[in-house]
Amino acid sequence: MFHRKPILAKALGHSNPFHGLRLLADAITRVAAAEKGRTPIPVAHARILHVLDLIVEVSNGTLVQYFWNSSGDNANALEDDLACIGCHELLLAIAAARMEVFGGPSPSDILARRLAMKAFFHTHPFNDDDDTHRLSQLAPSPMCARATALIRATDTALPRKTLEWAHLNSTAFTRLR
């Protein structure tokens, strides 16, 4: 008789921690889609999705992009997630960037967050229109730049640490296949 290997074991055994984390997140997303909103996503599952959103947004852009896009809806929860996972240096860097840009908690509403970011940067913070003069007028964000550099410098550390946390909390992932 054939038994499928649990998804967490597959994720932990993957040679690339990012791809292992992605595998785990895909399984979480499949279960959530099958539930069709009947039950909330467990905190442990949301934690995996929040961390993956951060990694994907920063690898595609910067921490500013993370805050700007819908991923930033979970920015405040992400800080709790990073604390639980044990990524304290990254947590402090992101919290400093959040305080610099928002002056407090990040608005969970995307429109409010974008308005606050436009006020901080004095313009739309992206080069959607290739207006290099406008981009040269952007207010700098040293804390966002520092957090972005930290995430990129620890390329595999955050996915690895997140998978290690998932392993330590494996009972939260037993439903996943």
N, C-alpha and C. Protein backbone atom coordinates (compact mmCIF):
# COMPACT_ATOMS: atom_id res chain seq x y z
N MET A 1 0.83 -1.18 0.00
CA MET A 1 0.00 0.00 0.00
C MET A 1 0.88 1.25 0.00
N PHE A 2 0.49 2.24 -0.79
CA PHE A 2 1.26 3.48 -0.94
C PHE A 2 0.77 4.53 0.05
N HIS A 3 1.71 5.13 0.80
CA HIS A 3 1.37 6.22 1.72
C HIS A 3 2.11 7.46 1.26
N ARG A 4 1.36 8.55 1.12
CA ARG A 4 2.00 9.80 0.74
C ARG A 4 2.78 10.36 1.92
N LYS A 5 3.91 10.94 1.62
CA LYS A 5 4.72 11.59 2.64
C LYS A 5 4.02 12.90 3.04
N PRO A 6 3.88 13.17 4.34
CA PRO A 6 3.26 14.42 4.76
C PRO A 6 4.00 15.63 4.16
N ILE A 7 3.24 16.64 3.85
CA ILE A 7 3.80 17.81 3.16
C ILE A 7 4.89 18.49 3.99
N LEU A 8 4.75 18.52 5.30
CA LEU A 8 5.77 19.15 6.13
C LEU A 8 7.09 18.40 5.99
N ALA A 9 7.04 17.09 5.95
CA ALA A 9 8.26 16.30 5.77
C ALA A 9 8.88 16.60 4.40
N LYS A 10 8.06 16.73 3.38
CA LYS A 10 8.57 17.08 2.05
C LYS A 10 9.22 18.46 2.06
N ALA A 11 8.55 19.40 2.71
CA ALA A 11 9.07 20.77 2.78
C ALA A 11 10.40 20.81 3.52
N LEU A 12 10.47 20.10 4.64
CA LEU A 12 11.71 20.07 5.43
C LEU A 12 12.85 19.38 4.69
N GLY A 13 12.50 18.41 3.84
CA GLY A 13 13.51 17.67 3.10
C GLY A 13 13.96 18.32 1.80
N HIS A 14 13.31 19.43 1.44
CA HIS A 14 13.66 20.09 0.18
C HIS A 14 15.06 20.70 0.28
N SER A 15 15.84 20.61 -0.79
CA SER A 15 17.21 21.13 -0.77
C SER A 15 17.26 22.65 -0.71
N ASN A 16 16.22 23.31 -1.18
CA ASN A 16 16.16 24.77 -1.15
C ASN A 16 15.07 25.18 -0.15
N PRO A 17 15.43 25.84 0.96
CA PRO A 17 14.44 26.19 1.98
C PRO A 17 13.29 27.05 1.45
N PHE A 18 13.58 27.95 0.51
CA PHE A 18 12.50 28.76 -0.05
C PHE A 18 11.48 27.89 -0.76
N HIS A 19 11.95 26.95 -1.56
CA HIS A 19 11.03 26.06 -2.28
C HIS A 19 10.27 25.15 -1.32
N GLY A 20 10.91 24.74 -0.23
CA GLY A 20 10.23 23.97 0.79
C GLY A 20 9.12 24.77 1.45
N LEU A 21 9.41 26.04 1.74
CA LEU A 21 8.41 26.92 2.33
C LEU A 21 7.26 27.15 1.35
N ARG A 22 7.60 27.31 0.11
CA ARG A 22 6.58 27.51 -0.94
C ARG A 22 5.66 26.27 -1.05
N LEU A 23 6.27 25.09 -0.96
CA LEU A 23 5.51 23.84 -1.00
C LEU A 23 4.51 23.78 0.16
N LEU A 24 4.97 24.14 1.33
CA LEU A 24 4.11 24.15 2.52
C LEU A 24 2.99 25.18 2.36
N ALA A 25 3.32 26.37 1.86
CA ALA A 25 2.33 27.42 1.66
C ALA A 25 1.28 27.02 0.62
N ASP A 26 1.72 26.34 -0.43
CA ASP A 26 0.77 25.87 -1.45
C ASP A 26 -0.24 24.89 -0.84
N ALA A 27 0.23 24.00 0.02
CA ALA A 27 -0.67 23.05 0.68
C ALA A 27 -1.65 23.78 1.60
N ILE A 28 -1.17 24.78 2.31
CA ILE A 28 -2.04 25.58 3.19
C ILE A 28 -3.11 26.27 2.36
N THR A 29 -2.71 26.83 1.24
CA THR A 29 -3.65 27.53 0.35
C THR A 29 -4.69 26.57 -0.21
N ARG A 30 -4.27 25.37 -0.58
CA ARG A 30 -5.23 24.36 -1.09
C ARG A 30 -6.28 24.00 -0.04
N VAL A 31 -5.84 23.80 1.20
CA VAL A 31 -6.77 23.45 2.29
C VAL A 31 -7.72 24.62 2.55
N ALA A 32 -7.18 25.84 2.57
CA ALA A 32 -8.02 27.02 2.81
C ALA A 32 -9.06 27.18 1.69
N ALA A 33 -8.66 26.93 0.46
CA ALA A 33 -9.59 27.04 -0.67
C ALA A 33 -10.69 25.98 -0.56
N ALA A 34 -10.33 24.78 -0.15
CA ALA A 34 -11.31 23.71 0.01
C ALA A 34 -12.30 24.02 1.13
N GLU A 35 -11.83 24.70 2.16
CA GLU A 35 -12.69 25.08 3.29
C GLU A 35 -13.69 26.17 2.89
N LYS A 36 -13.37 26.91 1.86
CA LYS A 36 -14.25 27.99 1.34
C LYS A 36 -14.69 28.96 2.44
N GLY A 37 -13.76 29.28 3.35
CA GLY A 37 -14.06 30.25 4.38
C GLY A 37 -14.92 29.76 5.53
N ARG A 38 -15.22 28.47 5.56
CA ARG A 38 -16.06 27.94 6.65
C ARG A 38 -15.34 28.00 8.00
N THR A 39 -14.04 27.83 7.96
CA THR A 39 -13.26 27.93 9.19
C THR A 39 -12.08 28.87 8.92
N PRO A 40 -11.71 29.64 9.92
CA PRO A 40 -10.57 30.54 9.72
C PRO A 40 -9.26 29.76 9.53
N ILE A 41 -8.33 30.38 8.84
CA ILE A 41 -7.01 29.77 8.67
C ILE A 41 -6.34 29.73 10.04
N PRO A 42 -5.82 28.58 10.46
CA PRO A 42 -5.13 28.53 11.76
C PRO A 42 -3.95 29.50 11.80
N VAL A 43 -3.67 30.02 12.97
CA VAL A 43 -2.59 31.00 13.15
C VAL A 43 -1.27 30.46 12.60
N ALA A 44 -0.96 29.22 12.87
CA ALA A 44 0.30 28.64 12.39
C ALA A 44 0.37 28.65 10.86
N HIS A 45 -0.75 28.39 10.21
CA HIS A 45 -0.79 28.41 8.74
C HIS A 45 -0.64 29.84 8.23
N ALA A 46 -1.34 30.78 8.87
CA ALA A 46 -1.24 32.18 8.47
C ALA A 46 0.20 32.67 8.63
N ARG A 47 0.87 32.22 9.67
CA ARG A 47 2.26 32.62 9.91
C ARG A 47 3.14 32.24 8.72
N ILE A 48 2.96 31.04 8.18
CA ILE A 48 3.73 30.59 7.02
C ILE A 48 3.44 31.50 5.82
N LEU A 49 2.17 31.79 5.59
CA LEU A 49 1.79 32.63 4.46
C LEU A 49 2.31 34.05 4.60
N HIS A 50 2.30 34.61 5.80
CA HIS A 50 2.80 35.97 6.02
C HIS A 50 4.29 36.05 5.72
N VAL A 51 5.04 35.08 6.20
CA VAL A 51 6.49 35.09 5.96
C VAL A 51 6.79 34.93 4.47
N LEU A 52 6.09 34.03 3.82
CA LEU A 52 6.31 33.84 2.38
C LEU A 52 5.97 35.12 1.61
N ASP A 53 4.88 35.79 1.98
CA ASP A 53 4.54 37.06 1.32
C ASP A 53 5.68 38.06 1.45
N LEU A 54 6.25 38.17 2.63
CA LEU A 54 7.37 39.10 2.83
C LEU A 54 8.54 38.74 1.92
N ILE A 55 8.92 37.48 1.91
CA ILE A 55 10.07 37.04 1.11
C ILE A 55 9.82 37.33 -0.37
N VAL A 56 8.64 37.00 -0.86
CA VAL A 56 8.34 37.17 -2.28
C VAL A 56 8.33 38.65 -2.66
N GLU A 57 7.68 39.48 -1.85
CA GLU A 57 7.62 40.92 -2.16
C GLU A 57 9.00 41.55 -2.14
N VAL A 58 9.81 41.22 -1.15
CA VAL A 58 11.14 41.83 -1.05
C VAL A 58 12.07 41.32 -2.15
N SER A 59 11.94 40.05 -2.51
CA SER A 59 12.81 39.56 -3.59
C SER A 59 12.38 40.15 -4.93
N ASN A 60 11.13 40.56 -5.05
CA ASN A 60 10.64 41.18 -6.27
C ASN A 60 10.87 42.69 -6.27
N GLY A 61 11.01 43.28 -5.10
CA GLY A 61 11.16 44.73 -4.99
C GLY A 61 11.92 45.08 -3.73
N THR A 62 11.22 45.68 -2.78
CA THR A 62 11.81 46.09 -1.51
C THR A 62 10.76 45.96 -0.41
N LEU A 63 11.13 46.30 0.80
CA LEU A 63 10.17 46.32 1.89
C LEU A 63 9.07 47.35 1.61
N VAL A 64 9.40 48.42 0.91
CA VAL A 64 8.39 49.41 0.53
C VAL A 64 7.30 48.75 -0.31
N GLN A 65 7.70 47.88 -1.23
CA GLN A 65 6.72 47.17 -2.05
C GLN A 65 5.84 46.27 -1.19
N TYR A 66 6.44 45.61 -0.20
CA TYR A 66 5.66 44.76 0.71
C TYR A 66 4.57 45.59 1.40
N PHE A 67 4.96 46.74 1.95
CA PHE A 67 3.99 47.59 2.63
C PHE A 67 2.93 48.11 1.65
N TRP A 68 3.31 48.44 0.43
CA TRP A 68 2.40 49.03 -0.55
C TRP A 68 1.35 48.04 -1.03
N ASN A 69 1.75 46.82 -1.27
CA ASN A 69 0.84 45.82 -1.84
C ASN A 69 -0.06 45.20 -0.78
N SER A 70 -0.98 44.35 -1.21
CA SER A 70 -1.94 43.74 -0.29
C SER A 70 -1.26 42.87 0.77
N SER A 71 -0.05 42.41 0.49
CA SER A 71 0.70 41.64 1.50
C SER A 71 0.86 42.45 2.78
N GLY A 72 0.98 43.75 2.63
CA GLY A 72 1.16 44.63 3.78
C GLY A 72 -0.04 44.69 4.70
N ASP A 73 -1.19 44.14 4.26
CA ASP A 73 -2.36 44.07 5.14
C ASP A 73 -2.02 43.32 6.42
N ASN A 74 -1.05 42.43 6.34
CA ASN A 74 -0.68 41.59 7.48
C ASN A 74 0.64 42.01 8.14
N ALA A 75 1.07 43.23 7.88
CA ALA A 75 2.38 43.69 8.38
C ALA A 75 2.47 43.64 9.90
N ASN A 76 1.41 44.02 10.60
CA ASN A 76 1.47 43.99 12.06
C ASN A 76 1.52 42.56 12.58
N ALA A 77 0.75 41.67 11.96
CA ALA A 77 0.79 40.25 12.35
C ALA A 77 2.15 39.65 12.04
N LEU A 78 2.77 40.10 10.95
CA LEU A 78 4.09 39.59 10.57
C LEU A 78 5.10 39.81 11.69
N GLU A 79 5.02 40.91 12.36
CA GLU A 79 5.96 41.17 13.45
C GLU A 79 5.80 40.14 14.56
N ASP A 80 4.57 39.79 14.88
CA ASP A 80 4.33 38.72 15.87
C ASP A 80 4.88 37.39 15.34
N ASP A 81 4.67 37.15 14.04
CA ASP A 81 5.15 35.92 13.42
C ASP A 81 6.66 35.82 13.54
N LEU A 82 7.36 36.90 13.21
CA LEU A 82 8.83 36.88 13.27
C LEU A 82 9.32 36.67 14.70
N ALA A 83 8.61 37.24 15.66
CA ALA A 83 8.98 37.03 17.08
C ALA A 83 8.83 35.55 17.45
N CYS A 84 7.72 34.94 17.05
CA CYS A 84 7.49 33.52 17.36
C CYS A 84 8.51 32.61 16.68
N ILE A 85 8.88 32.97 15.47
CA ILE A 85 9.83 32.15 14.71
C ILE A 85 11.25 32.33 15.25
N GLY A 86 11.50 33.45 15.91
CA GLY A 86 12.82 33.71 16.48
C GLY A 86 13.72 34.56 15.60
N CYS A 87 13.13 35.32 14.71
CA CYS A 87 13.90 36.21 13.81
C CYS A 87 13.91 37.61 14.40
N HIS A 88 14.59 37.78 15.52
CA HIS A 88 14.52 39.02 16.28
C HIS A 88 15.22 40.19 15.59
N GLU A 89 16.35 39.97 14.96
CA GLU A 89 17.05 41.06 14.28
C GLU A 89 16.19 41.59 13.13
N LEU A 90 15.61 40.70 12.37
CA LEU A 90 14.74 41.10 11.26
C LEU A 90 13.48 41.79 11.80
N LEU A 91 12.93 41.28 12.87
CA LEU A 91 11.76 41.89 13.50
C LEU A 91 12.06 43.34 13.87
N LEU A 92 13.20 43.58 14.50
CA LEU A 92 13.56 44.94 14.91
C LEU A 92 13.75 45.85 13.70
N ALA A 93 14.35 45.32 12.63
CA ALA A 93 14.57 46.12 11.41
C ALA A 93 13.23 46.50 10.76
N ILE A 94 12.32 45.55 10.69
CA ILE A 94 11.01 45.82 10.07
C ILE A 94 10.20 46.77 10.95
N ALA A 95 10.26 46.57 12.26
CA ALA A 95 9.54 47.46 13.18
C ALA A 95 10.08 48.89 13.07
N ALA A 96 11.38 49.04 12.93
CA ALA A 96 11.97 50.38 12.77
C ALA A 96 11.51 51.02 11.46
N ALA A 97 11.46 50.22 10.39
CA ALA A 97 10.99 50.74 9.09
C ALA A 97 9.52 51.14 9.19
N ARG A 98 8.71 50.31 9.83
CA ARG A 98 7.29 50.62 10.00
C ARG A 98 7.11 51.92 10.77
N MET A 99 7.87 52.08 11.86
CA MET A 99 7.77 53.31 12.66
C MET A 99 8.21 54.52 11.84
N GLU A 100 9.26 54.35 11.04
CA GLU A 100 9.76 55.45 10.22
C GLU A 100 8.71 55.90 9.21
N VAL A 101 8.08 54.95 8.54
CA VAL A 101 7.13 55.28 7.48
C VAL A 101 5.76 55.66 8.03
N PHE A 102 5.25 54.90 9.02
CA PHE A 102 3.88 55.10 9.49
C PHE A 102 3.78 55.80 10.84
N GLY A 103 4.87 55.85 11.60
CA GLY A 103 4.84 56.49 12.91
C GLY A 103 4.09 55.70 13.97
N GLY A 104 3.76 54.45 13.67
CA GLY A 104 3.02 53.58 14.59
C GLY A 104 2.66 52.31 13.86
N PRO A 105 1.58 51.66 14.28
CA PRO A 105 1.18 50.44 13.57
C PRO A 105 0.88 50.73 12.10
N SER A 106 1.17 49.75 11.27
CA SER A 106 0.88 49.87 9.84
C SER A 106 -0.62 49.76 9.64
N PRO A 107 -1.23 50.69 8.90
CA PRO A 107 -2.67 50.55 8.64
C PRO A 107 -2.96 49.23 7.92
N SER A 108 -3.94 48.48 8.40
CA SER A 108 -4.26 47.21 7.75
C SER A 108 -5.09 47.42 6.49
N ASP A 109 -5.70 48.59 6.35
CA ASP A 109 -6.44 48.92 5.14
C ASP A 109 -5.47 49.44 4.08
N ILE A 110 -5.52 48.84 2.91
CA ILE A 110 -4.55 49.16 1.86
C ILE A 110 -4.62 50.63 1.43
N LEU A 111 -5.81 51.20 1.35
CA LEU A 111 -5.92 52.60 0.92
C LEU A 111 -5.33 53.54 1.97
N ALA A 112 -5.63 53.28 3.24
CA ALA A 112 -5.06 54.11 4.31
C ALA A 112 -3.53 53.97 4.34
N ARG A 113 -3.06 52.75 4.14
CA ARG A 113 -1.61 52.51 4.14
C ARG A 113 -0.95 53.26 2.98
N ARG A 114 -1.55 53.18 1.80
CA ARG A 114 -0.98 53.87 0.64
C ARG A 114 -1.00 55.39 0.81
N LEU A 115 -2.04 55.93 1.39
CA LEU A 115 -2.08 57.37 1.65
C LEU A 115 -0.95 57.78 2.60
N ALA A 116 -0.76 56.98 3.65
CA ALA A 116 0.32 57.27 4.61
C ALA A 116 1.68 57.19 3.92
N MET A 117 1.84 56.22 3.03
CA MET A 117 3.12 56.07 2.33
C MET A 117 3.35 57.22 1.35
N LYS A 118 2.31 57.65 0.67
CA LYS A 118 2.45 58.80 -0.24
C LYS A 118 2.84 60.04 0.54
N ALA A 119 2.26 60.20 1.73
CA ALA A 119 2.60 61.35 2.58
C ALA A 119 4.07 61.27 3.02
N PHE A 120 4.53 60.08 3.38
CA PHE A 120 5.91 59.93 3.82
C PHE A 120 6.90 60.14 2.67
N PHE A 121 6.64 59.51 1.53
CA PHE A 121 7.57 59.58 0.41
C PHE A 121 7.36 60.83 -0.46
N HIS A 122 6.31 61.57 -0.20
CA HIS A 122 5.96 62.78 -0.96
C HIS A 122 5.58 62.49 -2.41
N THR A 123 5.33 61.23 -2.73
CA THR A 123 4.91 60.83 -4.06
C THR A 123 4.57 59.35 -4.04
N HIS A 124 4.13 58.84 -5.15
CA HIS A 124 3.91 57.40 -5.31
C HIS A 124 5.30 56.76 -5.32
N PRO A 125 5.56 55.73 -4.50
CA PRO A 125 6.94 55.23 -4.35
C PRO A 125 7.43 54.27 -5.42
N PHE A 126 6.74 54.14 -6.55
CA PHE A 126 7.19 53.19 -7.56
C PHE A 126 7.33 53.83 -8.92
N ASN A 127 8.11 53.19 -9.74
CA ASN A 127 8.44 53.69 -11.06
C ASN A 127 7.50 53.13 -12.12
N ASP A 128 6.19 53.19 -11.86
CA ASP A 128 5.23 52.64 -12.81
C ASP A 128 5.23 53.40 -14.13
N ASP A 129 5.60 54.68 -14.08
CA ASP A 129 5.54 55.50 -15.29
C ASP A 129 6.92 55.91 -15.81
N ASP A 130 7.97 55.32 -15.27
CA ASP A 130 9.35 55.62 -15.68
C ASP A 130 9.71 57.10 -15.56
N ASP A 131 9.10 57.79 -14.63
CA ASP A 131 9.38 59.20 -14.41
C ASP A 131 10.59 59.31 -13.48
N THR A 132 11.77 59.33 -14.07
CA THR A 132 13.00 59.33 -13.25
C THR A 132 13.14 60.61 -12.44
N HIS A 133 12.64 61.73 -12.95
CA HIS A 133 12.72 62.97 -12.17
C HIS A 133 11.88 62.84 -10.90
N ARG A 134 10.64 62.31 -11.02
CA ARG A 134 9.78 62.14 -9.86
C ARG A 134 10.44 61.20 -8.86
N LEU A 135 11.04 60.11 -9.38
CA LEU A 135 11.69 59.16 -8.48
C LEU A 135 12.86 59.78 -7.74
N SER A 136 13.54 60.72 -8.39
CA SER A 136 14.68 61.36 -7.73
C SER A 136 14.22 62.23 -6.56
N GLN A 137 12.93 62.57 -6.53
CA GLN A 137 12.38 63.39 -5.46
C GLN A 137 11.90 62.58 -4.26
N LEU A 138 11.94 61.25 -4.36
CA LEU A 138 11.46 60.40 -3.26
C LEU A 138 12.21 60.71 -1.96
N ALA A 139 11.44 60.82 -0.89
CA ALA A 139 12.07 60.95 0.42
C ALA A 139 12.75 59.60 0.73
N PRO A 140 13.96 59.62 1.24
CA PRO A 140 14.64 58.35 1.53
C PRO A 140 14.03 57.66 2.74
N SER A 141 14.18 56.36 2.78
CA SER A 141 13.76 55.58 3.94
C SER A 141 14.90 54.67 4.33
N PRO A 142 15.83 55.17 5.14
CA PRO A 142 16.97 54.34 5.53
C PRO A 142 16.56 53.04 6.23
N MET A 143 15.50 53.09 7.02
CA MET A 143 15.09 51.88 7.75
C MET A 143 14.51 50.83 6.80
N CYS A 144 13.76 51.26 5.78
CA CYS A 144 13.24 50.30 4.79
C CYS A 144 14.39 49.70 4.01
N ALA A 145 15.36 50.54 3.66
CA ALA A 145 16.53 50.04 2.92
C ALA A 145 17.31 49.04 3.77
N ARG A 146 17.47 49.33 5.06
CA ARG A 146 18.20 48.42 5.96
C ARG A 146 17.48 47.08 6.07
N ALA A 147 16.16 47.11 6.28
CA ALA A 147 15.39 45.86 6.42
C ALA A 147 15.43 45.06 5.12
N THR A 148 15.31 45.74 3.98
CA THR A 148 15.37 45.06 2.68
C THR A 148 16.73 44.38 2.52
N ALA A 149 17.81 45.09 2.85
CA ALA A 149 19.15 44.53 2.73
C ALA A 149 19.32 43.32 3.65
N LEU A 150 18.76 43.40 4.84
CA LEU A 150 18.87 42.29 5.79
C LEU A 150 18.14 41.05 5.28
N ILE A 151 16.94 41.24 4.74
CA ILE A 151 16.18 40.11 4.19
C ILE A 151 16.94 39.48 3.03
N ARG A 152 17.47 40.31 2.14
CA ARG A 152 18.20 39.79 0.97
C ARG A 152 19.51 39.13 1.37
N ALA A 153 20.17 39.65 2.39
CA ALA A 153 21.47 39.10 2.82
C ALA A 153 21.30 37.73 3.46
N THR A 154 20.15 37.51 4.05
CA THR A 154 19.89 36.23 4.72
C THR A 154 18.93 35.41 3.86
N ASP A 155 19.21 35.40 2.60
CA ASP A 155 18.44 34.78 1.53
C ASP A 155 17.73 33.48 1.92
N THR A 156 18.46 32.54 2.50
CA THR A 156 17.85 31.26 2.86
C THR A 156 17.57 31.15 4.36
N ALA A 157 18.08 32.07 5.16
CA ALA A 157 17.92 31.97 6.62
C ALA A 157 16.46 32.09 7.05
N LEU A 158 15.72 33.04 6.50
CA LEU A 158 14.32 33.22 6.91
C LEU A 158 13.46 32.02 6.52
N PRO A 159 13.53 31.53 5.29
CA PRO A 159 12.75 30.32 4.99
C PRO A 159 13.17 29.12 5.85
N ARG A 160 14.47 28.96 6.08
CA ARG A 160 14.96 27.83 6.88
C ARG A 160 14.44 27.94 8.31
N LYS A 161 14.55 29.12 8.88
CA LYS A 161 14.10 29.32 10.26
C LYS A 161 12.58 29.12 10.38
N THR A 162 11.85 29.53 9.36
CA THR A 162 10.39 29.35 9.35
C THR A 162 10.03 27.87 9.28
N LEU A 163 10.75 27.13 8.45
CA LEU A 163 10.52 25.68 8.36
C LEU A 163 10.90 24.98 9.67
N GLU A 164 11.97 25.41 10.31
CA GLU A 164 12.35 24.84 11.60
C GLU A 164 11.25 25.10 12.63
N TRP A 165 10.69 26.31 12.62
CA TRP A 165 9.59 26.63 13.53
C TRP A 165 8.39 25.71 13.23
N ALA A 166 8.08 25.51 11.95
CA ALA A 166 6.97 24.64 11.56
C ALA A 166 7.22 23.21 12.06
N HIS A 167 8.47 22.77 11.97
CA HIS A 167 8.81 21.43 12.45
C HIS A 167 8.57 21.31 13.96
N LEU A 168 8.97 22.33 14.71
CA LEU A 168 8.77 22.33 16.16
C LEU A 168 7.29 22.39 16.53
N ASN A 169 6.47 22.88 15.61
CA ASN A 169 5.03 23.00 15.82
C ASN A 169 4.27 22.11 14.83
N SER A 170 4.83 20.95 14.57
CA SER A 170 4.33 20.08 13.50
C SER A 170 2.88 19.64 13.67
N THR A 171 2.37 19.60 14.90
CA THR A 171 0.98 19.19 15.08
C THR A 171 0.01 20.15 14.40
N ALA A 172 0.43 21.38 14.18
CA ALA A 172 -0.42 22.35 13.50
C ALA A 172 -0.52 22.10 12.00
N PHE A 173 0.32 21.19 11.50
CA PHE A 173 0.37 20.96 10.06
C PHE A 173 0.00 19.53 9.66
N THR A 174 -0.58 18.78 10.58
CA THR A 174 -0.87 17.37 10.30
C THR A 174 -1.98 17.18 9.26
N ARG A 175 -2.89 18.11 9.12
CA ARG A 175 -3.97 17.99 8.13
C ARG A 175 -3.49 18.17 6.69
N LEU A 176 -2.32 18.72 6.54
CA LEU A 176 -1.83 19.03 5.19
C LEU A 176 -1.24 17.80 4.52
N ARG A 177 -1.58 17.62 3.25
CA ARG A 177 -1.03 16.53 2.46
C ARG A 177 -0.54 17.07 1.15
